[in-house]
Amino acid sequence: MHVEVVTNVTPGFNDNETELRGIASWIKNSLGAETPWHVTRFYPQLELSHLSPTPAAVLEKAWGIGKEERLWYVYLGNVHGHRLENTYCHKCGELLIERYIFEILKNRIQNGKCPECEAVIPGRF
């Protein structure tokens, strides 16, 4: 079974370092470092329409926390065209899958491995 985790980062609710580090740590310790974590931008709606959208800088900070906690795959969501939508090799950092929103523009994974360092890349692409 393949599992991925999505956290809709909402300003004033779960956008602080302690909360984000706790989520990243839980993912690593409970699900494994290879479990993808998507940190997505909140857009105001209904009862929370008084809030602002999540700044990209906050999502980038969450991405950094995920990497500090040694998660292999952390992605930004709802930030179209951002380089952190892409998949990079967890071992050598090589760009493996280039995306724009939900479209795959380029997939460099070969036989389930990174073409540069041959690290096994879990998942189906």
PDB file of N, CA and C in Angstrom:
ATOM      1  N   MET A   1       0.840  -1.170   0.000  1.00  0.00           N
ATOM      2  CA  MET A   1       0.000   0.000   0.000  1.00  0.00           C
ATOM      3  C   MET A   1       0.888   1.237   0.000  1.00  0.00           C
ATOM      4  N   HIS A   2       0.558   2.191  -0.836  1.00  0.00           N
ATOM      5  CA  HIS A   2       1.289   3.455  -0.931  1.00  0.00           C
ATOM      6  C   HIS A   2       0.516   4.524  -0.165  1.00  0.00           C
ATOM      7  N   VAL A   3       1.202   5.248   0.716  1.00  0.00           N
ATOM      8  CA  VAL A   3       0.577   6.296   1.527  1.00  0.00           C
ATOM      9  C   VAL A   3       1.325   7.603   1.317  1.00  0.00           C
ATOM     10  N   GLU A   4       0.581   8.689   1.193  1.00  0.00           N
ATOM     11  CA  GLU A   4       1.150  10.032   1.161  1.00  0.00           C
ATOM     12  C   GLU A   4       0.375  10.875   2.162  1.00  0.00           C
ATOM     13  N   VAL A   5       1.027  11.897   2.717  1.00  0.00           N
ATOM     14  CA  VAL A   5       0.408  12.756   3.723  1.00  0.00           C
ATOM     15  C   VAL A   5       0.304  14.171   3.161  1.00  0.00           C
ATOM     16  N   VAL A   6      -0.869  14.795   3.362  1.00  0.00           N
ATOM     17  CA  VAL A   6      -1.088  16.174   2.943  1.00  0.00           C
ATOM     18  C   VAL A   6      -1.406  17.009   4.175  1.00  0.00           C
ATOM     19  N   THR A   7      -0.715  18.133   4.320  1.00  0.00           N
ATOM     20  CA  THR A   7      -1.004  19.087   5.386  1.00  0.00           C
ATOM     21  C   THR A   7      -1.362  20.414   4.740  1.00  0.00           C
ATOM     22  N   ASN A   8      -2.606  20.838   4.924  1.00  0.00           N
ATOM     23  CA  ASN A   8      -3.026  22.147   4.440  1.00  0.00           C
ATOM     24  C   ASN A   8      -2.571  23.163   5.487  1.00  0.00           C
ATOM     25  N   VAL A   9      -1.506  23.886   5.185  1.00  0.00           N
ATOM     26  CA  VAL A   9      -0.894  24.799   6.152  1.00  0.00           C
ATOM     27  C   VAL A   9      -1.732  26.078   6.210  1.00  0.00           C
ATOM     28  N   THR A  10      -2.364  26.304   7.365  1.00  0.00           N
ATOM     29  CA  THR A  10      -3.308  27.398   7.547  1.00  0.00           C
ATOM     30  C   THR A  10      -2.730  28.450   8.484  1.00  0.00           C
ATOM     31  N   PRO A  11      -2.620  29.704   8.029  1.00  0.00           N
ATOM     32  CA  PRO A  11      -2.051  30.758   8.866  1.00  0.00           C
ATOM     33  C   PRO A  11      -2.766  30.881  10.217  1.00  0.00           C
ATOM     34  N   GLY A  12      -1.959  30.883  11.280  1.00  0.00           N
ATOM     35  CA  GLY A  12      -2.496  31.028  12.626  1.00  0.00           C
ATOM     36  C   GLY A  12      -2.983  29.738  13.256  1.00  0.00           C
ATOM     37  N   PHE A  13      -3.009  28.653  12.507  1.00  0.00           N
ATOM     38  CA  PHE A  13      -3.484  27.377  13.033  1.00  0.00           C
ATOM     39  C   PHE A  13      -2.359  26.350  13.131  1.00  0.00           C
ATOM     40  N   ASN A  14      -1.701  26.078  12.022  1.00  0.00           N
ATOM     41  CA  ASN A  14      -0.667  25.032  12.030  1.00  0.00           C
ATOM     42  C   ASN A  14       0.565  25.445  11.227  1.00  0.00           C
ATOM     43  N   ASP A  15       0.851  26.740  11.217  1.00  0.00           N
ATOM     44  CA  ASP A  15       1.967  27.238  10.409  1.00  0.00           C
ATOM     45  C   ASP A  15       3.222  27.554  11.213  1.00  0.00           C
ATOM     46  N   ASN A  16       3.234  27.175  12.490  1.00  0.00           N
ATOM     47  CA  ASN A  16       4.423  27.459  13.305  1.00  0.00           C
ATOM     48  C   ASN A  16       5.404  26.292  13.252  1.00  0.00           C
ATOM     49  N   GLU A  17       6.652  26.590  13.557  1.00  0.00           N
ATOM     50  CA  GLU A  17       7.713  25.590  13.435  1.00  0.00           C
ATOM     51  C   GLU A  17       7.469  24.364  14.309  1.00  0.00           C
ATOM     52  N   THR A  18       6.987  24.562  15.522  1.00  0.00           N
ATOM     53  CA  THR A  18       6.758  23.430  16.426  1.00  0.00           C
ATOM     54  C   THR A  18       5.743  22.457  15.843  1.00  0.00           C
ATOM     55  N   GLU A  19       4.649  22.990  15.345  1.00  0.00           N
ATOM     56  CA  GLU A  19       3.593  22.151  14.755  1.00  0.00           C
ATOM     57  C   GLU A  19       4.103  21.412  13.517  1.00  0.00           C
ATOM     58  N   LEU A  20       4.770  22.144  12.636  1.00  0.00           N
ATOM     59  CA  LEU A  20       5.262  21.542  11.394  1.00  0.00           C
ATOM     60  C   LEU A  20       6.340  20.497  11.665  1.00  0.00           C
ATOM     61  N   ARG A  21       7.233  20.779  12.596  1.00  0.00           N
ATOM     62  CA  ARG A  21       8.279  19.811  12.938  1.00  0.00           C
ATOM     63  C   ARG A  21       7.656  18.560  13.566  1.00  0.00           C
ATOM     64  N   GLY A  22       6.628  18.747  14.370  1.00  0.00           N
ATOM     65  CA  GLY A  22       5.936  17.606  14.964  1.00  0.00           C
ATOM     66  C   GLY A  22       5.306  16.710  13.909  1.00  0.00           C
ATOM     67  N   ILE A  23       4.699  17.318  12.901  1.00  0.00           N
ATOM     68  CA  ILE A  23       4.089  16.541  11.813  1.00  0.00           C
ATOM     69  C   ILE A  23       5.164  15.780  11.043  1.00  0.00           C
ATOM     70  N   ALA A  24       6.238  16.477  10.676  1.00  0.00           N
ATOM     71  CA  ALA A  24       7.320  15.841   9.909  1.00  0.00           C
ATOM     72  C   ALA A  24       7.952  14.697  10.691  1.00  0.00           C
ATOM     73  N   SER A  25       8.172  14.917  11.975  1.00  0.00           N
ATOM     74  CA  SER A  25       8.762  13.878  12.825  1.00  0.00           C
ATOM     75  C   SER A  25       7.834  12.670  12.926  1.00  0.00           C
ATOM     76  N   TRP A  26       6.542  12.930  13.077  1.00  0.00           N
ATOM     77  CA  TRP A  26       5.572  11.828  13.165  1.00  0.00           C
ATOM     78  C   TRP A  26       5.575  11.016  11.868  1.00  0.00           C
ATOM     79  N   ILE A  27       5.596  11.699  10.730  1.00  0.00           N
ATOM     80  CA  ILE A  27       5.622  10.987   9.445  1.00  0.00           C
ATOM     81  C   ILE A  27       6.831  10.066   9.389  1.00  0.00           C
ATOM     82  N   LYS A  28       8.004  10.603   9.712  1.00  0.00           N
ATOM     83  CA  LYS A  28       9.225   9.795   9.637  1.00  0.00           C
ATOM     84  C   LYS A  28       9.167   8.609  10.595  1.00  0.00           C
ATOM     85  N   ASN A  29       8.785   8.864  11.839  1.00  0.00           N
ATOM     86  CA  ASN A  29       8.812   7.811  12.858  1.00  0.00           C
ATOM     87  C   ASN A  29       7.668   6.808  12.742  1.00  0.00           C
ATOM     88  N   SER A  30       6.523   7.244  12.226  1.00  0.00           N
ATOM     89  CA  SER A  30       5.352   6.361  12.161  1.00  0.00           C
ATOM     90  C   SER A  30       5.138   5.721  10.792  1.00  0.00           C
ATOM     91  N   LEU A  31       5.488   6.439   9.732  1.00  0.00           N
ATOM     92  CA  LEU A  31       5.219   5.949   8.378  1.00  0.00           C
ATOM     93  C   LEU A  31       6.482   5.651   7.585  1.00  0.00           C
ATOM     94  N   GLY A  32       7.580   6.304   7.932  1.00  0.00           N
ATOM     95  CA  GLY A  32       8.847   6.092   7.236  1.00  0.00           C
ATOM     96  C   GLY A  32       9.292   7.316   6.462  1.00  0.00           C
ATOM     97  N   ALA A  33      10.602   7.491   6.361  1.00  0.00           N
ATOM     98  CA  ALA A  33      11.196   8.653   5.688  1.00  0.00           C
ATOM     99  C   ALA A  33      10.822   8.733   4.216  1.00  0.00           C
ATOM    100  N   GLU A  34      10.482   7.606   3.610  1.00  0.00           N
ATOM    101  CA  GLU A  34      10.140   7.582   2.180  1.00  0.00           C
ATOM    102  C   GLU A  34       8.708   8.037   1.908  1.00  0.00           C
ATOM    103  N   THR A  35       7.903   8.282   2.951  1.00  0.00           N
ATOM    104  CA  THR A  35       6.514   8.711   2.787  1.00  0.00           C
ATOM    105  C   THR A  35       6.467  10.162   2.308  1.00  0.00           C
ATOM    106  N   PRO A  36       5.879  10.430   1.150  1.00  0.00           N
ATOM    107  CA  PRO A  36       5.797  11.805   0.665  1.00  0.00           C
ATOM    108  C   PRO A  36       4.921  12.679   1.568  1.00  0.00           C
ATOM    109  N   TRP A  37       5.383  13.909   1.789  1.00  0.00           N
ATOM    110  CA  TRP A  37       4.636  14.897   2.567  1.00  0.00           C
ATOM    111  C   TRP A  37       4.370  16.098   1.676  1.00  0.00           C
ATOM    112  N   HIS A  38       3.097  16.399   1.456  1.00  0.00           N
ATOM    113  CA  HIS A  38       2.678  17.547   0.664  1.00  0.00           C
ATOM    114  C   HIS A  38       2.241  18.651   1.624  1.00  0.00           C
ATOM    115  N   VAL A  39       2.928  19.778   1.590  1.00  0.00           N
ATOM    116  CA  VAL A  39       2.523  20.940   2.384  1.00  0.00           C
ATOM    117  C   VAL A  39       1.851  21.905   1.414  1.00  0.00           C
ATOM    118  N   THR A  40       0.554  22.112   1.613  1.00  0.00           N
ATOM    119  CA  THR A  40      -0.232  22.845   0.631  1.00  0.00           C
ATOM    120  C   THR A  40      -0.667  24.210   1.144  1.00  0.00           C
ATOM    121  N   ARG A  41      -0.807  25.115   0.189  1.00  0.00           N
ATOM    122  CA  ARG A  41      -1.250  26.478   0.485  1.00  0.00           C
ATOM    123  C   ARG A  41      -2.745  26.479   0.784  1.00  0.00           C
ATOM    124  N   PHE A  42      -3.097  27.127   1.874  1.00  0.00           N
ATOM    125  CA  PHE A  42      -4.488  27.356   2.252  1.00  0.00           C
ATOM    126  C   PHE A  42      -5.020  28.546   1.462  1.00  0.00           C
ATOM    127  N   TYR A  43      -6.243  28.420   0.954  1.00  0.00           N
ATOM    128  CA  TYR A  43      -6.940  29.538   0.336  1.00  0.00           C
ATOM    129  C   TYR A  43      -8.206  29.805   1.139  1.00  0.00           C
ATOM    130  N   PRO A  44      -8.452  31.061   1.520  1.00  0.00           N
ATOM    131  CA  PRO A  44      -9.600  31.404   2.371  1.00  0.00           C
ATOM    132  C   PRO A  44     -10.940  31.048   1.727  1.00  0.00           C
ATOM    133  N   GLN A  45     -11.795  30.430   2.530  1.00  0.00           N
ATOM    134  CA  GLN A  45     -13.139  30.063   2.094  1.00  0.00           C
ATOM    135  C   GLN A  45     -14.076  30.092   3.300  1.00  0.00           C
ATOM    136  N   LEU A  46     -15.325  30.358   3.074  1.00  0.00           N
ATOM    137  CA  LEU A  46     -16.401  30.237   4.058  1.00  0.00           C
ATOM    138  C   LEU A  46     -16.038  30.826   5.413  1.00  0.00           C
ATOM    139  N   GLU A  47     -16.052  30.016   6.475  1.00  0.00           N
ATOM    140  CA  GLU A  47     -15.823  30.514   7.834  1.00  0.00           C
ATOM    141  C   GLU A  47     -14.417  31.067   8.043  1.00  0.00           C
ATOM    142  N   LEU A  48     -13.483  30.707   7.189  1.00  0.00           N
ATOM    143  CA  LEU A  48     -12.102  31.184   7.325  1.00  0.00           C
ATOM    144  C   LEU A  48     -11.748  32.208   6.243  1.00  0.00           C
ATOM    145  N   SER A  49     -12.759  32.845   5.665  1.00  0.00           N
ATOM    146  CA  SER A  49     -12.505  33.798   4.583  1.00  0.00           C
ATOM    147  C   SER A  49     -11.798  35.059   5.061  1.00  0.00           C
ATOM    148  N   HIS A  50     -11.737  35.270   6.363  1.00  0.00           N
ATOM    149  CA  HIS A  50     -11.030  36.430   6.915  1.00  0.00           C
ATOM    150  C   HIS A  50      -9.513  36.216   6.963  1.00  0.00           C
ATOM    151  N   LEU A  51      -9.066  34.989   6.761  1.00  0.00           N
ATOM    152  CA  LEU A  51      -7.632  34.696   6.777  1.00  0.00           C
ATOM    153  C   LEU A  51      -7.010  34.978   5.414  1.00  0.00           C
ATOM    154  N   SER A  52      -5.691  35.101   5.404  1.00  0.00           N
ATOM    155  CA  SER A  52      -4.949  35.278   4.152  1.00  0.00           C
ATOM    156  C   SER A  52      -4.507  33.919   3.628  1.00  0.00           C
ATOM    157  N   PRO A  53      -4.246  33.819   2.324  1.00  0.00           N
ATOM    158  CA  PRO A  53      -3.646  32.584   1.807  1.00  0.00           C
ATOM    159  C   PRO A  53      -2.280  32.365   2.463  1.00  0.00           C
ATOM    160  N   THR A  54      -1.867  31.139   2.550  1.00  0.00           N
ATOM    161  CA  THR A  54      -0.566  30.821   3.130  1.00  0.00           C
ATOM    162  C   THR A  54       0.538  31.391   2.242  1.00  0.00           C
ATOM    163  N   PRO A  55       1.444  32.188   2.809  1.00  0.00           N
ATOM    164  CA  PRO A  55       2.562  32.695   2.005  1.00  0.00           C
ATOM    165  C   PRO A  55       3.472  31.556   1.547  1.00  0.00           C
ATOM    166  N   ALA A  56       3.997  31.677   0.341  1.00  0.00           N
ATOM    167  CA  ALA A  56       4.912  30.653  -0.179  1.00  0.00           C
ATOM    168  C   ALA A  56       6.110  30.475   0.746  1.00  0.00           C
ATOM    169  N   ALA A  57       6.567  31.553   1.376  1.00  0.00           N
ATOM    170  CA  ALA A  57       7.723  31.465   2.280  1.00  0.00           C
ATOM    171  C   ALA A  57       7.455  30.533   3.457  1.00  0.00           C
ATOM    172  N   VAL A  58       6.224  30.489   3.929  1.00  0.00           N
ATOM    173  CA  VAL A  58       5.865  29.584   5.032  1.00  0.00           C
ATOM    174  C   VAL A  58       5.928  28.136   4.552  1.00  0.00           C
ATOM    175  N   LEU A  59       5.455  27.890   3.342  1.00  0.00           N
ATOM    176  CA  LEU A  59       5.510  26.535   2.789  1.00  0.00           C
ATOM    177  C   LEU A  59       6.955  26.109   2.534  1.00  0.00           C
ATOM    178  N   GLU A  60       7.772  27.039   2.078  1.00  0.00           N
ATOM    179  CA  GLU A  60       9.197  26.738   1.876  1.00  0.00           C
ATOM    180  C   GLU A  60       9.867  26.406   3.209  1.00  0.00           C
ATOM    181  N   LYS A  61       9.466  27.109   4.266  1.00  0.00           N
ATOM    182  CA  LYS A  61       9.982  26.810   5.606  1.00  0.00           C
ATOM    183  C   LYS A  61       9.562  25.397   6.024  1.00  0.00           C
ATOM    184  N   ALA A  62       8.300  25.043   5.758  1.00  0.00           N
ATOM    185  CA  ALA A  62       7.816  23.693   6.076  1.00  0.00           C
ATOM    186  C   ALA A  62       8.607  22.650   5.292  1.00  0.00           C
ATOM    187  N   TRP A  63       8.891  22.942   4.026  1.00  0.00           N
ATOM    188  CA  TRP A  63       9.700  22.033   3.205  1.00  0.00           C
ATOM    189  C   TRP A  63      11.055  21.825   3.859  1.00  0.00           C
ATOM    190  N   GLY A  64      11.684  22.914   4.289  1.00  0.00           N
ATOM    191  CA  GLY A  64      12.988  22.830   4.947  1.00  0.00           C
ATOM    192  C   GLY A  64      12.937  22.014   6.226  1.00  0.00           C
ATOM    193  N   ILE A  65      11.874  22.173   6.985  1.00  0.00           N
ATOM    194  CA  ILE A  65      11.703  21.388   8.213  1.00  0.00           C
ATOM    195  C   ILE A  65      11.590  19.911   7.868  1.00  0.00           C
ATOM    196  N   GLY A  66      10.812  19.595   6.847  1.00  0.00           N
ATOM    197  CA  GLY A  66      10.688  18.201   6.420  1.00  0.00           C
ATOM    198  C   GLY A  66      12.028  17.603   6.036  1.00  0.00           C
ATOM    199  N   LYS A  67      12.834  18.367   5.320  1.00  0.00           N
ATOM    200  CA  LYS A  67      14.160  17.878   4.929  1.00  0.00           C
ATOM    201  C   LYS A  67      15.080  17.753   6.150  1.00  0.00           C
ATOM    202  N   GLU A  68      15.000  18.707   7.097  1.00  0.00           N
ATOM    203  CA  GLU A  68      15.791  18.614   8.330  1.00  0.00           C
ATOM    204  C   GLU A  68      15.438  17.356   9.112  1.00  0.00           C
ATOM    205  N   GLU A  69      14.160  16.984   9.064  1.00  0.00           N
ATOM    206  CA  GLU A  69      13.699  15.773   9.752  1.00  0.00           C
ATOM    207  C   GLU A  69      14.000  14.519   8.933  1.00  0.00           C
ATOM    208  N   ARG A  70      14.668  14.705   7.814  1.00  0.00           N
ATOM    209  CA  ARG A  70      15.154  13.625   6.955  1.00  0.00           C
ATOM    210  C   ARG A  70      14.050  12.889   6.190  1.00  0.00           C
ATOM    211  N   LEU A  71      12.971  13.626   5.849  1.00  0.00           N
ATOM    212  CA  LEU A  71      11.978  13.058   4.937  1.00  0.00           C
ATOM    213  C   LEU A  71      12.557  13.106   3.530  1.00  0.00           C
ATOM    214  N   TRP A  72      12.352  12.046   2.770  1.00  0.00           N
ATOM    215  CA  TRP A  72      12.924  11.958   1.433  1.00  0.00           C
ATOM    216  C   TRP A  72      12.211  12.846   0.427  1.00  0.00           C
ATOM    217  N   TYR A  73      10.889  12.906   0.522  1.00  0.00           N
ATOM    218  CA  TYR A  73      10.102  13.604  -0.496  1.00  0.00           C
ATOM    219  C   TYR A  73       9.120  14.564   0.163  1.00  0.00           C
ATOM    220  N   VAL A  74       9.397  15.854   0.027  1.00  0.00           N
ATOM    221  CA  VAL A  74       8.513  16.900   0.532  1.00  0.00           C
ATOM    222  C   VAL A  74       8.153  17.776  -0.665  1.00  0.00           C
ATOM    223  N   TYR A  75       6.877  18.089  -0.785  1.00  0.00           N
ATOM    224  CA  TYR A  75       6.392  18.854  -1.934  1.00  0.00           C
ATOM    225  C   TYR A  75       5.579  20.056  -1.479  1.00  0.00           C
ATOM    226  N   LEU A  76       5.649  21.140  -2.256  1.00  0.00           N
ATOM    227  CA  LEU A  76       4.745  22.263  -2.070  1.00  0.00           C
ATOM    228  C   LEU A  76       3.533  22.035  -2.955  1.00  0.00           C
ATOM    229  N   GLY A  77       2.369  22.388  -2.441  1.00  0.00           N
ATOM    230  CA  GLY A  77       1.143  22.260  -3.213  1.00  0.00           C
ATOM    231  C   GLY A  77       0.406  23.583  -3.284  1.00  0.00           C
ATOM    232  N   ASN A  78      -0.325  23.785  -4.354  1.00  0.00           N
ATOM    233  CA  ASN A  78      -1.099  25.003  -4.601  1.00  0.00           C
ATOM    234  C   ASN A  78      -0.210  26.228  -4.780  1.00  0.00           C
ATOM    235  N   VAL A  79       1.032  26.010  -5.218  1.00  0.00           N
ATOM    236  CA  VAL A  79       1.958  27.094  -5.558  1.00  0.00           C
ATOM    237  C   VAL A  79       2.468  26.762  -6.965  1.00  0.00           C
ATOM    238  N   HIS A  80       1.651  27.054  -7.942  1.00  0.00           N
ATOM    239  CA  HIS A  80       1.895  26.606  -9.310  1.00  0.00           C
ATOM    240  C   HIS A  80       3.214  27.115  -9.883  1.00  0.00           C
ATOM    241  N   GLY A  81       3.978  26.184 -10.453  1.00  0.00           N
ATOM    242  CA  GLY A  81       5.234  26.514 -11.092  1.00  0.00           C
ATOM    243  C   GLY A  81       6.427  26.587 -10.154  1.00  0.00           C
ATOM    244  N   HIS A  82       6.225  26.295  -8.887  1.00  0.00           N
ATOM    245  CA  HIS A  82       7.330  26.341  -7.917  1.00  0.00           C
ATOM    246  C   HIS A  82       8.211  25.111  -8.093  1.00  0.00           C
ATOM    247  N   ARG A  83       9.519  25.294  -7.982  1.00  0.00           N
ATOM    248  CA  ARG A  83      10.462  24.182  -8.172  1.00  0.00           C
ATOM    249  C   ARG A  83      10.262  23.063  -7.151  1.00  0.00           C
ATOM    250  N   LEU A  84       9.643  23.367  -6.002  1.00  0.00           N
ATOM    251  CA  LEU A  84       9.450  22.337  -4.981  1.00  0.00           C
ATOM    252  C   LEU A  84       8.186  21.506  -5.204  1.00  0.00           C
ATOM    253  N   GLU A  85       7.551  21.665  -6.367  1.00  0.00           N
ATOM    254  CA  GLU A  85       6.511  20.730  -6.821  1.00  0.00           C
ATOM    255  C   GLU A  85       7.160  19.464  -7.369  1.00  0.00           C
ATOM    256  N   ASN A  86       8.427  19.570  -7.721  1.00  0.00           N
ATOM    257  CA  ASN A  86       9.152  18.499  -8.406  1.00  0.00           C
ATOM    258  C   ASN A  86       9.662  17.434  -7.445  1.00  0.00           C
ATOM    259  N   THR A  87      10.035  16.283  -8.004  1.00  0.00           N
ATOM    260  CA  THR A  87      10.644  15.196  -7.233  1.00  0.00           C
ATOM    261  C   THR A  87      12.141  15.199  -7.485  1.00  0.00           C
ATOM    262  N   TYR A  88      12.891  15.183  -6.384  1.00  0.00           N
ATOM    263  CA  TYR A  88      14.351  15.128  -6.439  1.00  0.00           C
ATOM    264  C   TYR A  88      14.813  13.852  -5.759  1.00  0.00           C
ATOM    265  N   CYS A  89      15.919  13.297  -6.213  1.00  0.00           N
ATOM    266  CA  CYS A  89      16.474  12.088  -5.612  1.00  0.00           C
ATOM    267  C   CYS A  89      16.827  12.352  -4.153  1.00  0.00           C
ATOM    268  N   HIS A  90      16.417  11.448  -3.284  1.00  0.00           N
ATOM    269  CA  HIS A  90      16.694  11.599  -1.856  1.00  0.00           C
ATOM    270  C   HIS A  90      18.161  11.382  -1.528  1.00  0.00           C
ATOM    271  N   LYS A  91      18.890  10.775  -2.438  1.00  0.00           N
ATOM    272  CA  LYS A  91      20.300  10.473  -2.184  1.00  0.00           C
ATOM    273  C   LYS A  91      21.237  11.535  -2.769  1.00  0.00           C
ATOM    274  N   CYS A  92      21.059  11.880  -4.054  1.00  0.00           N
ATOM    275  CA  CYS A  92      21.998  12.806  -4.709  1.00  0.00           C
ATOM    276  C   CYS A  92      21.398  14.173  -5.033  1.00  0.00           C
ATOM    277  N   GLY A  93      20.069  14.328  -4.911  1.00  0.00           N
ATOM    278  CA  GLY A  93      19.431  15.617  -5.170  1.00  0.00           C
ATOM    279  C   GLY A  93      19.102  15.904  -6.626  1.00  0.00           C
ATOM    280  N   GLU A  94      19.346  14.945  -7.504  1.00  0.00           N
ATOM    281  CA  GLU A  94      19.077  15.117  -8.936  1.00  0.00           C
ATOM    282  C   GLU A  94      17.571  15.287  -9.186  1.00  0.00           C
ATOM    283  N   LEU A  95      17.212  16.197 -10.114  1.00  0.00           N
ATOM    284  CA  LEU A  95      15.819  16.359 -10.513  1.00  0.00           C
ATOM    285  C   LEU A  95      15.358  15.087 -11.218  1.00  0.00           C
ATOM    286  N   LEU A  96      14.306  14.471 -10.700  1.00  0.00           N
ATOM    287  CA  LEU A  96      13.792  13.231 -11.282  1.00  0.00           C
ATOM    288  C   LEU A  96      12.492  13.442 -12.043  1.00  0.00           C
ATOM    289  N   ILE A  97      11.547  14.138 -11.412  1.00  0.00           N
ATOM    290  CA  ILE A  97      10.256  14.377 -12.053  1.00  0.00           C
ATOM    291  C   ILE A  97       9.971  15.870 -11.998  1.00  0.00           C
ATOM    292  N   GLU A  98       9.794  16.446 -13.178  1.00  0.00           N
ATOM    293  CA  GLU A  98       9.452  17.864 -13.276  1.00  0.00           C
ATOM    294  C   GLU A  98       7.950  17.972 -13.489  1.00  0.00           C
ATOM    295  N   ARG A  99       7.292  18.802 -12.662  1.00  0.00           N
ATOM    296  CA  ARG A  99       5.835  18.936 -12.716  1.00  0.00           C
ATOM    297  C   ARG A  99       5.423  20.392 -12.902  1.00  0.00           C
ATOM    298  N   TYR A 100       4.229  20.546 -13.440  1.00  0.00           N
ATOM    299  CA  TYR A 100       3.541  21.829 -13.406  1.00  0.00           C
ATOM    300  C   TYR A 100       2.112  21.514 -13.004  1.00  0.00           C
ATOM    301  N   ILE A 101       1.760  21.937 -11.810  1.00  0.00           N
ATOM    302  CA  ILE A 101       0.489  21.613 -11.173  1.00  0.00           C
ATOM    303  C   ILE A 101       0.408  20.086 -11.076  1.00  0.00           C
ATOM    304  N   PHE A 102      -0.515  19.442 -11.800  1.00  0.00           N
ATOM    305  CA  PHE A 102      -0.635  17.984 -11.728  1.00  0.00           C
ATOM    306  C   PHE A 102      -0.057  17.284 -12.952  1.00  0.00           C
ATOM    307  N   GLU A 103       0.489  18.056 -13.863  1.00  0.00           N
ATOM    308  CA  GLU A 103       1.036  17.485 -15.095  1.00  0.00           C
ATOM    309  C   GLU A 103       2.517  17.150 -14.931  1.00  0.00           C
ATOM    310  N   ILE A 104       2.898  15.965 -15.380  1.00  0.00           N
ATOM    311  CA  ILE A 104       4.307  15.576 -15.384  1.00  0.00           C
ATOM    312  C   ILE A 104       4.906  16.035 -16.707  1.00  0.00           C
ATOM    313  N   LEU A 105       5.883  16.936 -16.630  1.00  0.00           N
ATOM    314  CA  LEU A 105       6.546  17.453 -17.823  1.00  0.00           C
ATOM    315  C   LEU A 105       7.714  16.573 -18.240  1.00  0.00           C
ATOM    316  N   LYS A 106       8.398  16.018 -17.248  1.00  0.00           N
ATOM    317  CA  LYS A 106       9.564  15.178 -17.529  1.00  0.00           C
ATOM    318  C   LYS A 106       9.705  14.159 -16.403  1.00  0.00           C
ATOM    319  N   ASN A 107       9.953  12.899 -16.764  1.00  0.00           N
ATOM    320  CA  ASN A 107      10.186  11.830 -15.788  1.00  0.00           C
ATOM    321  C   ASN A 107      11.504  11.154 -16.152  1.00  0.00           C
ATOM    322  N   ARG A 108      12.506  11.323 -15.301  1.00  0.00           N
ATOM    323  CA  ARG A 108      13.837  10.783 -15.578  1.00  0.00           C
ATOM    324  C   ARG A 108      14.099   9.465 -14.836  1.00  0.00           C
ATOM    325  N   ILE A 109      13.142   8.982 -14.062  1.00  0.00           N
ATOM    326  CA  ILE A 109      13.339   7.728 -13.330  1.00  0.00           C
ATOM    327  C   ILE A 109      13.463   6.590 -14.340  1.00  0.00           C
ATOM    328  N   GLN A 110      14.485   5.757 -14.164  1.00  0.00           N
ATOM    329  CA  GLN A 110      14.722   4.638 -15.072  1.00  0.00           C
ATOM    330  C   GLN A 110      14.734   3.341 -14.280  1.00  0.00           C
ATOM    331  N   ASN A 111      13.791   2.453 -14.604  1.00  0.00           N
ATOM    332  CA  ASN A 111      13.688   1.162 -13.922  1.00  0.00           C
ATOM    333  C   ASN A 111      13.600   1.328 -12.409  1.00  0.00           C
ATOM    334  N   GLY A 112      12.841   2.344 -11.974  1.00  0.00           N
ATOM    335  CA  GLY A 112      12.639   2.576 -10.549  1.00  0.00           C
ATOM    336  C   GLY A 112      13.836   3.159  -9.828  1.00  0.00           C
ATOM    337  N   LYS A 113      14.804   3.704 -10.598  1.00  0.00           N
ATOM    338  CA  LYS A 113      16.032   4.220  -9.983  1.00  0.00           C
ATOM    339  C   LYS A 113      16.386   5.605 -10.519  1.00  0.00           C
ATOM    340  N   CYS A 114      17.169   6.320  -9.731  1.00  0.00           N
ATOM    341  CA  CYS A 114      17.737   7.598 -10.156  1.00  0.00           C
ATOM    342  C   CYS A 114      18.757   7.328 -11.261  1.00  0.00           C
ATOM    343  N   PRO A 115      18.708   8.071 -12.373  1.00  0.00           N
ATOM    344  CA  PRO A 115      19.661   7.832 -13.457  1.00  0.00           C
ATOM    345  C   PRO A 115      21.090   8.267 -13.117  1.00  0.00           C
ATOM    346  N   GLU A 116      21.263   9.062 -12.085  1.00  0.00           N
ATOM    347  CA  GLU A 116      22.595   9.546 -11.717  1.00  0.00           C
ATOM    348  C   GLU A 116      23.288   8.643 -10.703  1.00  0.00           C
ATOM    349  N   CYS A 117      22.595   8.326  -9.595  1.00  0.00           N
ATOM    350  CA  CYS A 117      23.255   7.575  -8.513  1.00  0.00           C
ATOM    351  C   CYS A 117      22.689   6.166  -8.334  1.00  0.00           C
ATOM    352  N   GLU A 118      21.628   5.847  -9.082  1.00  0.00           N
ATOM    353  CA  GLU A 118      20.967   4.541  -9.045  1.00  0.00           C
ATOM    354  C   GLU A 118      20.280   4.226  -7.720  1.00  0.00           C
ATOM    355  N   ALA A 119      19.964   5.262  -6.927  1.00  0.00           N
ATOM    356  CA  ALA A 119      19.164   5.046  -5.717  1.00  0.00           C
ATOM    357  C   ALA A 119      17.785   4.549  -6.137  1.00  0.00           C
ATOM    358  N   VAL A 120      17.235   3.602  -5.386  1.00  0.00           N
ATOM    359  CA  VAL A 120      15.886   3.104  -5.645  1.00  0.00           C
ATOM    360  C   VAL A 120      14.897   4.193  -5.248  1.00  0.00           C
ATOM    361  N   ILE A 121      13.956   4.488  -6.142  1.00  0.00           N
ATOM    362  CA  ILE A 121      12.944   5.514  -5.913  1.00  0.00           C
ATOM    363  C   ILE A 121      11.608   4.802  -5.701  1.00  0.00           C
ATOM    364  N   PRO A 122      11.100   4.779  -4.458  1.00  0.00           N
ATOM    365  CA  PRO A 122       9.844   4.079  -4.194  1.00  0.00           C
ATOM    366  C   PRO A 122       8.651   4.806  -4.816  1.00  0.00           C
ATOM    367  N   GLY A 123       7.627   4.054  -5.175  1.00  0.00           N
ATOM    368  CA  GLY A 123       6.411   4.636  -5.730  1.00  0.00           C
ATOM    369  C   GLY A 123       6.211   4.234  -7.177  1.00  0.00           C
ATOM    370  N   ARG A 124       5.081   4.665  -7.708  1.00  0.00           N
ATOM    371  CA  ARG A 124       4.755   4.409  -9.108  1.00  0.00           C
ATOM    372  C   ARG A 124       4.563   5.743  -9.792  1.00  0.00           C
ATOM    373  N   PHE A 125       5.264   5.936 -10.902  1.00  0.00           N
ATOM    374  CA  PHE A 125       5.204   7.227 -11.594  1.00  0.00           C
ATOM    375  C   PHE A 125       4.856   7.033 -13.056  1.00  0.00           C
TER     376      PHE A 125
END
